[in-house]
Structure formats: C-alpha cells, structure tokens
Amino acid sequence: MELPIWQPFINEWYTFALFLIFIFIFIGISEVARSILQWSPESSRKLVHLIVGTLVSACPFIFKSNIPPILLASVFIFVNSLALKTKKFKGMHSTDRTSYGTVYFPIAFLILALFWWEKPITIILSMLIMTFSDTIAAVIGERTPQPRNFWIWCP
C-alpha cells in the first residue's frame, strides 16, 4: 500500500526549500514569543520540538524520494550543533543542563530516512512517538516534586 503524496510543487526541491523555510520561521516565531511573552526557554524548546517533530513526520506524505529528508536532517544536525556550540537560539538550547537532544533528534530522523524510507509508517510513527513522548516526559518530570535519580551504571 502506497501512501498518498501531497506535492505542492512539481519539483521536490521547491517543496524542500519551502519546508526548510517553514521550519526556520517556526523557530524564529518561538524565539520572538520567548522574548516578548517571557516564556521560559524550556517552554519554547517544547513548542519547537512539537512543531518540527510533527512537520518532519509528514515527510513521507510530501516527498517521493528520501534525498530531501536526508538533506533536511543533515542541515539541522549541522545547524543545531553549531547553535549549541555558539549558544545561539536560546529557546532551543537553554536548559538547566547540557542537552544534545536538538542534535540527536535530526540524527534519529536521518537514520529513519536512510533505512526505512520504503516503510513510511515506521518513519511517521517513530517520529510522532519521539516527538510527543519526549515532550510529555519533560512536562511530567518538571512537575514531579521529588524526582528519583536513576543511574544506568555507577559513575
């Protein structure tokens, strides 16, 4: 069974450019909202995570080839790594702890686009689960009055 494809343009690269611009617009809006509305960096980060995760989960509906999603993931691995290193986009990277989630997220998407493009339901469900479960876990974790610390191995 093949998923329906929505192609706003005949050329996938125009769609890619529009998709990339939308993501940067949403990141910019979250930065403006964070500064004007005095949102916490964590709230802004969660908003970006939900919007971008939902958008990229729709890639199998938009792109026939996996090349644009692979490039998209690669661009954001680079951009997020650079932003993390230079401390730009505080709404995405300002947390109480060092977090590489903004880099790992596009890495996960890259792996899915590389190896499971022919199984679009795997990409869609994986990205949606990662998007929403991570955000919900963060909200619950912040609201837990006495969280327990777990160590996978002893330091």
N, C-alpha and C. Protein backbone atom coordinates (compact mmCIF):
# COMPACT_ATOMS: atom_id res chain seq x y z
N MET A 1 0.84 -1.18 0.00
CA MET A 1 0.00 0.00 0.00
C MET A 1 0.88 1.24 0.00
N GLU A 2 0.62 2.13 -0.91
CA GLU A 2 1.40 3.35 -1.02
C GLU A 2 0.63 4.51 -0.40
N LEU A 3 1.33 5.31 0.37
CA LEU A 3 0.70 6.46 1.00
C LEU A 3 0.42 7.54 -0.03
N PRO A 4 -0.63 8.31 0.16
CA PRO A 4 -0.88 9.43 -0.76
C PRO A 4 0.22 10.46 -0.61
N ILE A 5 0.58 11.05 -1.71
CA ILE A 5 1.63 12.07 -1.73
C ILE A 5 1.00 13.42 -2.04
N TRP A 6 1.28 14.40 -1.20
CA TRP A 6 0.86 15.76 -1.46
C TRP A 6 2.08 16.52 -1.91
N GLN A 7 2.06 16.97 -3.14
CA GLN A 7 3.18 17.71 -3.69
C GLN A 7 2.73 19.12 -4.03
N PRO A 8 3.16 20.10 -3.23
CA PRO A 8 2.76 21.46 -3.56
C PRO A 8 3.39 21.97 -4.85
N PHE A 9 4.54 21.41 -5.21
CA PHE A 9 5.23 21.81 -6.44
C PHE A 9 5.62 20.55 -7.21
N ILE A 10 5.77 20.68 -8.49
CA ILE A 10 6.19 19.54 -9.31
C ILE A 10 7.61 19.14 -8.94
N ASN A 11 8.46 20.12 -8.71
CA ASN A 11 9.84 19.87 -8.35
C ASN A 11 9.95 19.72 -6.83
N GLU A 12 10.48 18.59 -6.37
CA GLU A 12 10.61 18.34 -4.93
C GLU A 12 11.54 19.33 -4.23
N TRP A 13 12.45 19.91 -4.97
CA TRP A 13 13.40 20.83 -4.35
C TRP A 13 12.74 22.15 -3.98
N TYR A 14 11.71 22.56 -4.72
CA TYR A 14 10.94 23.74 -4.31
C TYR A 14 10.19 23.43 -3.01
N THR A 15 9.65 22.23 -2.94
CA THR A 15 8.97 21.79 -1.72
C THR A 15 9.96 21.75 -0.56
N PHE A 16 11.14 21.23 -0.82
CA PHE A 16 12.18 21.17 0.21
C PHE A 16 12.50 22.57 0.72
N ALA A 17 12.71 23.51 -0.19
CA ALA A 17 13.04 24.88 0.21
C ALA A 17 11.92 25.49 1.05
N LEU A 18 10.69 25.30 0.63
CA LEU A 18 9.54 25.81 1.38
C LEU A 18 9.46 25.16 2.76
N PHE A 19 9.67 23.87 2.82
CA PHE A 19 9.65 23.12 4.08
C PHE A 19 10.73 23.65 5.03
N LEU A 20 11.92 23.84 4.51
CA LEU A 20 13.04 24.35 5.31
C LEU A 20 12.74 25.77 5.81
N ILE A 21 12.19 26.60 4.94
CA ILE A 21 11.84 27.97 5.33
C ILE A 21 10.78 27.95 6.44
N PHE A 22 9.76 27.09 6.31
CA PHE A 22 8.73 26.99 7.35
C PHE A 22 9.33 26.61 8.70
N ILE A 23 10.24 25.67 8.70
CA ILE A 23 10.86 25.26 9.96
C ILE A 23 11.62 26.43 10.58
N PHE A 24 12.40 27.14 9.78
CA PHE A 24 13.13 28.29 10.32
C PHE A 24 12.18 29.40 10.78
N ILE A 25 11.06 29.56 10.08
CA ILE A 25 10.05 30.55 10.52
C ILE A 25 9.49 30.16 11.87
N PHE A 26 9.15 28.89 12.05
CA PHE A 26 8.61 28.44 13.33
C PHE A 26 9.63 28.59 14.46
N ILE A 27 10.89 28.33 14.18
CA ILE A 27 11.94 28.53 15.18
C ILE A 27 12.05 30.02 15.52
N GLY A 28 11.99 30.87 14.51
CA GLY A 28 12.03 32.32 14.73
C GLY A 28 10.84 32.80 15.54
N ILE A 29 9.65 32.30 15.22
CA ILE A 29 8.45 32.67 15.98
C ILE A 29 8.60 32.26 17.44
N SER A 30 9.16 31.08 17.68
CA SER A 30 9.32 30.64 19.07
C SER A 30 10.33 31.53 19.80
N GLU A 31 11.36 31.99 19.11
CA GLU A 31 12.33 32.90 19.73
C GLU A 31 11.67 34.23 20.07
N VAL A 32 10.87 34.76 19.15
CA VAL A 32 10.17 36.02 19.40
C VAL A 32 9.17 35.85 20.54
N ALA A 33 8.41 34.77 20.51
CA ALA A 33 7.44 34.50 21.58
C ALA A 33 8.14 34.37 22.93
N ARG A 34 9.29 33.72 22.93
CA ARG A 34 10.04 33.54 24.18
C ARG A 34 10.44 34.88 24.75
N SER A 35 10.93 35.78 23.90
CA SER A 35 11.40 37.06 24.42
C SER A 35 10.25 38.03 24.72
N ILE A 36 9.25 38.10 23.86
CA ILE A 36 8.15 39.04 24.08
C ILE A 36 7.20 38.56 25.17
N LEU A 37 6.83 37.30 25.13
CA LEU A 37 5.87 36.77 26.10
C LEU A 37 6.53 36.28 27.38
N GLN A 38 7.87 36.41 27.43
CA GLN A 38 8.63 35.98 28.60
C GLN A 38 8.43 34.50 28.92
N TRP A 39 8.34 33.69 27.87
CA TRP A 39 8.26 32.24 28.06
C TRP A 39 9.59 31.74 28.58
N SER A 40 9.52 30.66 29.31
CA SER A 40 10.77 30.04 29.74
C SER A 40 11.42 29.38 28.53
N PRO A 41 12.73 29.27 28.52
CA PRO A 41 13.39 28.58 27.42
C PRO A 41 12.87 27.14 27.24
N GLU A 42 12.53 26.48 28.34
CA GLU A 42 12.00 25.12 28.25
C GLU A 42 10.67 25.07 27.50
N SER A 43 9.81 26.06 27.75
CA SER A 43 8.51 26.10 27.05
C SER A 43 8.72 26.31 25.56
N SER A 44 9.61 27.23 25.22
CA SER A 44 9.91 27.49 23.82
C SER A 44 10.50 26.25 23.16
N ARG A 45 11.38 25.59 23.87
CA ARG A 45 12.02 24.37 23.36
C ARG A 45 10.99 23.28 23.08
N LYS A 46 10.04 23.13 24.00
CA LYS A 46 8.98 22.12 23.81
C LYS A 46 8.10 22.45 22.60
N LEU A 47 7.79 23.74 22.43
CA LEU A 47 6.98 24.15 21.30
C LEU A 47 7.69 23.85 19.98
N VAL A 48 8.96 24.20 19.88
CA VAL A 48 9.74 23.91 18.68
C VAL A 48 9.79 22.41 18.43
N HIS A 49 10.01 21.65 19.49
CA HIS A 49 10.10 20.19 19.38
C HIS A 49 8.79 19.61 18.82
N LEU A 50 7.66 20.06 19.35
CA LEU A 50 6.36 19.56 18.88
C LEU A 50 6.09 19.95 17.42
N ILE A 51 6.35 21.19 17.07
CA ILE A 51 6.07 21.65 15.71
C ILE A 51 6.98 20.97 14.70
N VAL A 52 8.27 20.98 14.95
CA VAL A 52 9.22 20.40 14.00
C VAL A 52 9.02 18.88 13.91
N GLY A 53 8.81 18.22 15.04
CA GLY A 53 8.59 16.78 15.02
C GLY A 53 7.35 16.38 14.23
N THR A 54 6.29 17.16 14.39
CA THR A 54 5.07 16.89 13.64
C THR A 54 5.28 17.15 12.16
N LEU A 55 5.98 18.23 11.83
CA LEU A 55 6.25 18.54 10.42
C LEU A 55 7.07 17.43 9.75
N VAL A 56 8.17 17.03 10.38
CA VAL A 56 9.03 16.03 9.72
C VAL A 56 8.37 14.65 9.67
N SER A 57 7.44 14.39 10.57
CA SER A 57 6.75 13.10 10.49
C SER A 57 5.87 13.02 9.24
N ALA A 58 5.55 14.16 8.66
CA ALA A 58 4.74 14.19 7.44
C ALA A 58 5.57 14.06 6.17
N CYS A 59 6.90 14.00 6.28
CA CYS A 59 7.76 13.92 5.09
C CYS A 59 7.40 12.80 4.12
N PRO A 60 7.04 11.60 4.59
CA PRO A 60 6.66 10.55 3.62
C PRO A 60 5.43 10.90 2.79
N PHE A 61 4.59 11.81 3.29
CA PHE A 61 3.43 12.25 2.53
C PHE A 61 3.78 13.32 1.51
N ILE A 62 4.92 13.97 1.69
CA ILE A 62 5.28 15.13 0.88
C ILE A 62 6.36 14.82 -0.16
N PHE A 63 7.33 13.98 0.23
CA PHE A 63 8.45 13.69 -0.65
C PHE A 63 8.41 12.26 -1.17
N LYS A 64 8.63 12.09 -2.47
CA LYS A 64 8.72 10.75 -3.04
C LYS A 64 10.08 10.14 -2.75
N SER A 65 11.12 10.94 -2.86
CA SER A 65 12.49 10.49 -2.65
C SER A 65 12.90 10.78 -1.21
N ASN A 66 13.83 10.00 -0.70
CA ASN A 66 14.33 10.26 0.64
C ASN A 66 15.49 11.26 0.65
N ILE A 67 15.93 11.71 -0.50
CA ILE A 67 17.07 12.63 -0.57
C ILE A 67 16.75 13.97 0.11
N PRO A 68 15.60 14.62 -0.17
CA PRO A 68 15.32 15.88 0.55
C PRO A 68 15.23 15.70 2.08
N PRO A 69 14.55 14.67 2.60
CA PRO A 69 14.56 14.50 4.07
C PRO A 69 15.95 14.21 4.63
N ILE A 70 16.77 13.49 3.89
CA ILE A 70 18.15 13.22 4.34
C ILE A 70 18.92 14.55 4.41
N LEU A 71 18.77 15.39 3.40
CA LEU A 71 19.42 16.69 3.40
C LEU A 71 18.87 17.57 4.53
N LEU A 72 17.56 17.53 4.73
CA LEU A 72 16.94 18.30 5.81
C LEU A 72 17.52 17.90 7.17
N ALA A 73 17.61 16.61 7.42
CA ALA A 73 18.18 16.12 8.68
C ALA A 73 19.63 16.56 8.80
N SER A 74 20.37 16.44 7.73
CA SER A 74 21.79 16.82 7.75
C SER A 74 21.97 18.30 8.04
N VAL A 75 21.14 19.14 7.43
CA VAL A 75 21.20 20.58 7.67
C VAL A 75 20.96 20.86 9.15
N PHE A 76 19.97 20.22 9.74
CA PHE A 76 19.65 20.50 11.14
C PHE A 76 20.63 19.86 12.11
N ILE A 77 21.26 18.79 11.73
CA ILE A 77 22.34 18.26 12.58
C ILE A 77 23.44 19.31 12.66
N PHE A 78 23.80 19.88 11.51
CA PHE A 78 24.84 20.91 11.46
C PHE A 78 24.41 22.18 12.19
N VAL A 79 23.22 22.71 11.84
CA VAL A 79 22.73 23.96 12.43
C VAL A 79 22.58 23.83 13.94
N ASN A 80 21.99 22.73 14.41
CA ASN A 80 21.78 22.56 15.84
C ASN A 80 23.10 22.36 16.59
N SER A 81 24.04 21.66 15.98
CA SER A 81 25.36 21.50 16.60
C SER A 81 26.05 22.86 16.72
N LEU A 82 25.99 23.63 15.66
CA LEU A 82 26.59 24.96 15.66
C LEU A 82 25.90 25.88 16.67
N ALA A 83 24.58 25.85 16.70
CA ALA A 83 23.83 26.69 17.64
C ALA A 83 24.13 26.29 19.09
N LEU A 84 24.27 25.01 19.33
CA LEU A 84 24.59 24.53 20.67
C LEU A 84 25.98 25.00 21.08
N LYS A 85 26.91 24.91 20.16
CA LYS A 85 28.30 25.31 20.45
C LYS A 85 28.43 26.82 20.66
N THR A 86 27.70 27.61 19.86
CA THR A 86 27.80 29.06 19.95
C THR A 86 26.76 29.68 20.89
N LYS A 87 25.91 28.83 21.47
CA LYS A 87 24.86 29.27 22.40
C LYS A 87 23.85 30.21 21.74
N LYS A 88 23.55 29.97 20.48
CA LYS A 88 22.51 30.71 19.77
C LYS A 88 21.19 29.97 19.93
N PHE A 89 20.09 30.61 19.56
CA PHE A 89 18.74 30.03 19.69
C PHE A 89 18.51 29.55 21.13
N LYS A 90 18.54 30.49 22.06
CA LYS A 90 18.40 30.13 23.46
C LYS A 90 17.10 29.39 23.74
N GLY A 91 16.08 29.66 22.97
CA GLY A 91 14.81 28.96 23.15
C GLY A 91 14.92 27.48 22.86
N MET A 92 15.90 27.10 22.07
CA MET A 92 16.08 25.68 21.74
C MET A 92 17.12 25.03 22.64
N HIS A 93 18.08 25.79 23.14
CA HIS A 93 19.21 25.18 23.82
C HIS A 93 19.38 25.58 25.27
N SER A 94 18.62 26.54 25.76
CA SER A 94 18.79 26.94 27.16
C SER A 94 18.01 26.01 28.06
N THR A 95 18.72 25.16 28.71
CA THR A 95 18.12 24.27 29.69
C THR A 95 18.99 24.33 30.93
N ASP A 96 18.49 23.75 32.00
CA ASP A 96 19.27 23.73 33.24
C ASP A 96 20.45 22.78 33.14
N ARG A 97 20.47 21.99 32.11
CA ARG A 97 21.54 21.01 31.94
C ARG A 97 22.00 21.05 30.49
N THR A 98 23.13 20.46 30.22
CA THR A 98 23.58 20.35 28.84
C THR A 98 22.76 19.26 28.18
N SER A 99 22.16 19.60 27.05
CA SER A 99 21.30 18.64 26.35
C SER A 99 21.65 18.62 24.87
N TYR A 100 21.83 17.43 24.37
CA TYR A 100 22.14 17.26 22.96
C TYR A 100 20.92 16.76 22.17
N GLY A 101 19.75 16.86 22.78
CA GLY A 101 18.53 16.38 22.14
C GLY A 101 18.24 17.03 20.81
N THR A 102 18.59 18.31 20.67
CA THR A 102 18.34 19.00 19.41
C THR A 102 19.25 18.50 18.30
N VAL A 103 20.32 17.82 18.66
CA VAL A 103 21.20 17.21 17.67
C VAL A 103 20.78 15.75 17.44
N TYR A 104 20.44 15.06 18.51
CA TYR A 104 20.04 13.65 18.40
C TYR A 104 18.73 13.48 17.63
N PHE A 105 17.83 14.44 17.77
CA PHE A 105 16.53 14.37 17.09
C PHE A 105 16.70 14.28 15.57
N PRO A 106 17.46 15.20 14.93
CA PRO A 106 17.65 15.06 13.48
C PRO A 106 18.51 13.85 13.11
N ILE A 107 19.38 13.41 14.03
CA ILE A 107 20.14 12.18 13.74
C ILE A 107 19.18 10.99 13.66
N ALA A 108 18.23 10.94 14.58
CA ALA A 108 17.22 9.86 14.55
C ALA A 108 16.41 9.93 13.25
N PHE A 109 16.03 11.14 12.86
CA PHE A 109 15.28 11.30 11.62
C PHE A 109 16.12 10.89 10.41
N LEU A 110 17.39 11.24 10.43
CA LEU A 110 18.31 10.84 9.35
C LEU A 110 18.37 9.33 9.22
N ILE A 111 18.52 8.64 10.32
CA ILE A 111 18.58 7.17 10.31
C ILE A 111 17.28 6.59 9.76
N LEU A 112 16.16 7.14 10.19
CA LEU A 112 14.87 6.66 9.69
C LEU A 112 14.74 6.91 8.19
N ALA A 113 15.12 8.11 7.74
CA ALA A 113 15.01 8.43 6.30
C ALA A 113 15.95 7.58 5.46
N LEU A 114 17.11 7.25 6.01
CA LEU A 114 18.07 6.43 5.27
C LEU A 114 17.62 4.97 5.13
N PHE A 115 17.16 4.40 6.22
CA PHE A 115 16.94 2.96 6.24
C PHE A 115 15.49 2.51 6.19
N TRP A 116 14.53 3.39 6.46
CA TRP A 116 13.13 2.97 6.49
C TRP A 116 12.24 3.80 5.58
N TRP A 117 12.82 4.44 4.58
CA TRP A 117 12.01 5.27 3.70
C TRP A 117 10.93 4.45 2.99
N GLU A 118 11.22 3.23 2.67
CA GLU A 118 10.24 2.37 1.98
C GLU A 118 9.15 1.87 2.92
N LYS A 119 9.30 2.11 4.20
CA LYS A 119 8.28 1.75 5.21
C LYS A 119 7.84 3.05 5.88
N PRO A 120 7.05 3.87 5.18
CA PRO A 120 6.73 5.20 5.69
C PRO A 120 6.01 5.19 7.05
N ILE A 121 5.22 4.18 7.30
CA ILE A 121 4.52 4.14 8.59
C ILE A 121 5.51 4.05 9.74
N THR A 122 6.66 3.42 9.51
CA THR A 122 7.70 3.33 10.54
C THR A 122 8.26 4.72 10.83
N ILE A 123 8.50 5.50 9.80
CA ILE A 123 9.02 6.85 9.98
C ILE A 123 7.99 7.72 10.70
N ILE A 124 6.76 7.68 10.22
CA ILE A 124 5.71 8.52 10.78
C ILE A 124 5.49 8.21 12.26
N LEU A 125 5.29 6.95 12.57
CA LEU A 125 5.03 6.58 13.97
C LEU A 125 6.24 6.82 14.86
N SER A 126 7.43 6.51 14.37
CA SER A 126 8.63 6.73 15.16
C SER A 126 8.81 8.20 15.51
N MET A 127 8.65 9.07 14.52
CA MET A 127 8.83 10.49 14.77
C MET A 127 7.74 11.05 15.69
N LEU A 128 6.50 10.60 15.49
CA LEU A 128 5.42 11.09 16.36
C LEU A 128 5.59 10.60 17.80
N ILE A 129 5.98 9.35 17.96
CA ILE A 129 6.22 8.83 19.31
C ILE A 129 7.36 9.60 19.97
N MET A 130 8.45 9.79 19.24
CA MET A 130 9.59 10.51 19.79
C MET A 130 9.20 11.96 20.12
N THR A 131 8.46 12.59 19.25
CA THR A 131 8.06 13.99 19.44
C THR A 131 7.19 14.16 20.68
N PHE A 132 6.12 13.39 20.75
CA PHE A 132 5.16 13.60 21.84
C PHE A 132 5.59 12.96 23.16
N SER A 133 6.22 11.80 23.11
CA SER A 133 6.62 11.17 24.37
C SER A 133 7.72 11.96 25.06
N ASP A 134 8.64 12.51 24.30
CA ASP A 134 9.72 13.31 24.88
C ASP A 134 9.16 14.56 25.54
N THR A 135 8.23 15.23 24.87
CA THR A 135 7.63 16.44 25.42
C THR A 135 6.80 16.14 26.66
N ILE A 136 6.00 15.08 26.60
CA ILE A 136 5.18 14.71 27.75
C ILE A 136 6.06 14.30 28.93
N ALA A 137 7.12 13.56 28.67
CA ALA A 137 8.04 13.15 29.74
C ALA A 137 8.68 14.37 30.40
N ALA A 138 9.03 15.37 29.60
CA ALA A 138 9.64 16.58 30.16
C ALA A 138 8.64 17.33 31.04
N VAL A 139 7.40 17.44 30.58
CA VAL A 139 6.37 18.14 31.37
C VAL A 139 6.13 17.40 32.69
N ILE A 140 6.00 16.11 32.62
CA ILE A 140 5.77 15.32 33.84
C ILE A 140 6.98 15.41 34.77
N GLY A 141 8.17 15.31 34.20
CA GLY A 141 9.38 15.40 35.00
C GLY A 141 9.51 16.73 35.72
N GLU A 142 9.11 17.81 35.06
CA GLU A 142 9.18 19.13 35.69
C GLU A 142 8.18 19.29 36.81
N ARG A 143 7.07 18.57 36.73
CA ARG A 143 6.01 18.70 37.72
C ARG A 143 6.12 17.68 38.86
N THR A 144 7.10 16.82 38.78
CA THR A 144 7.30 15.82 39.83
C THR A 144 8.03 16.49 40.99
N PRO A 145 7.41 16.53 42.18
CA PRO A 145 8.01 17.28 43.29
C PRO A 145 9.31 16.69 43.81
N GLN A 146 9.41 15.40 43.90
CA GLN A 146 10.64 14.76 44.39
C GLN A 146 11.06 13.66 43.42
N PRO A 147 11.68 14.07 42.34
CA PRO A 147 12.07 13.05 41.35
C PRO A 147 13.18 12.15 41.88
N ARG A 148 13.15 10.93 41.45
CA ARG A 148 14.21 9.98 41.79
C ARG A 148 15.26 10.00 40.69
N ASN A 149 16.49 9.87 41.08
CA ASN A 149 17.57 9.78 40.11
C ASN A 149 17.93 8.32 39.91
N PHE A 150 18.04 7.94 38.67
CA PHE A 150 18.42 6.58 38.33
C PHE A 150 19.75 6.61 37.60
N TRP A 151 20.62 5.69 37.95
CA TRP A 151 21.90 5.58 37.28
C TRP A 151 21.91 4.27 36.50
N ILE A 152 22.22 4.36 35.22
CA ILE A 152 22.30 3.16 34.41
C ILE A 152 23.51 2.33 34.85
N TRP A 153 24.58 3.01 35.16
CA TRP A 153 25.76 2.37 35.73
C TRP A 153 26.35 3.32 36.75
N CYS A 154 27.07 2.79 37.67
CA CYS A 154 27.65 3.64 38.71
C CYS A 154 28.83 4.41 38.15
N PRO A 155 28.87 5.72 38.45
CA PRO A 155 29.99 6.52 37.94
C PRO A 155 31.29 6.23 38.67
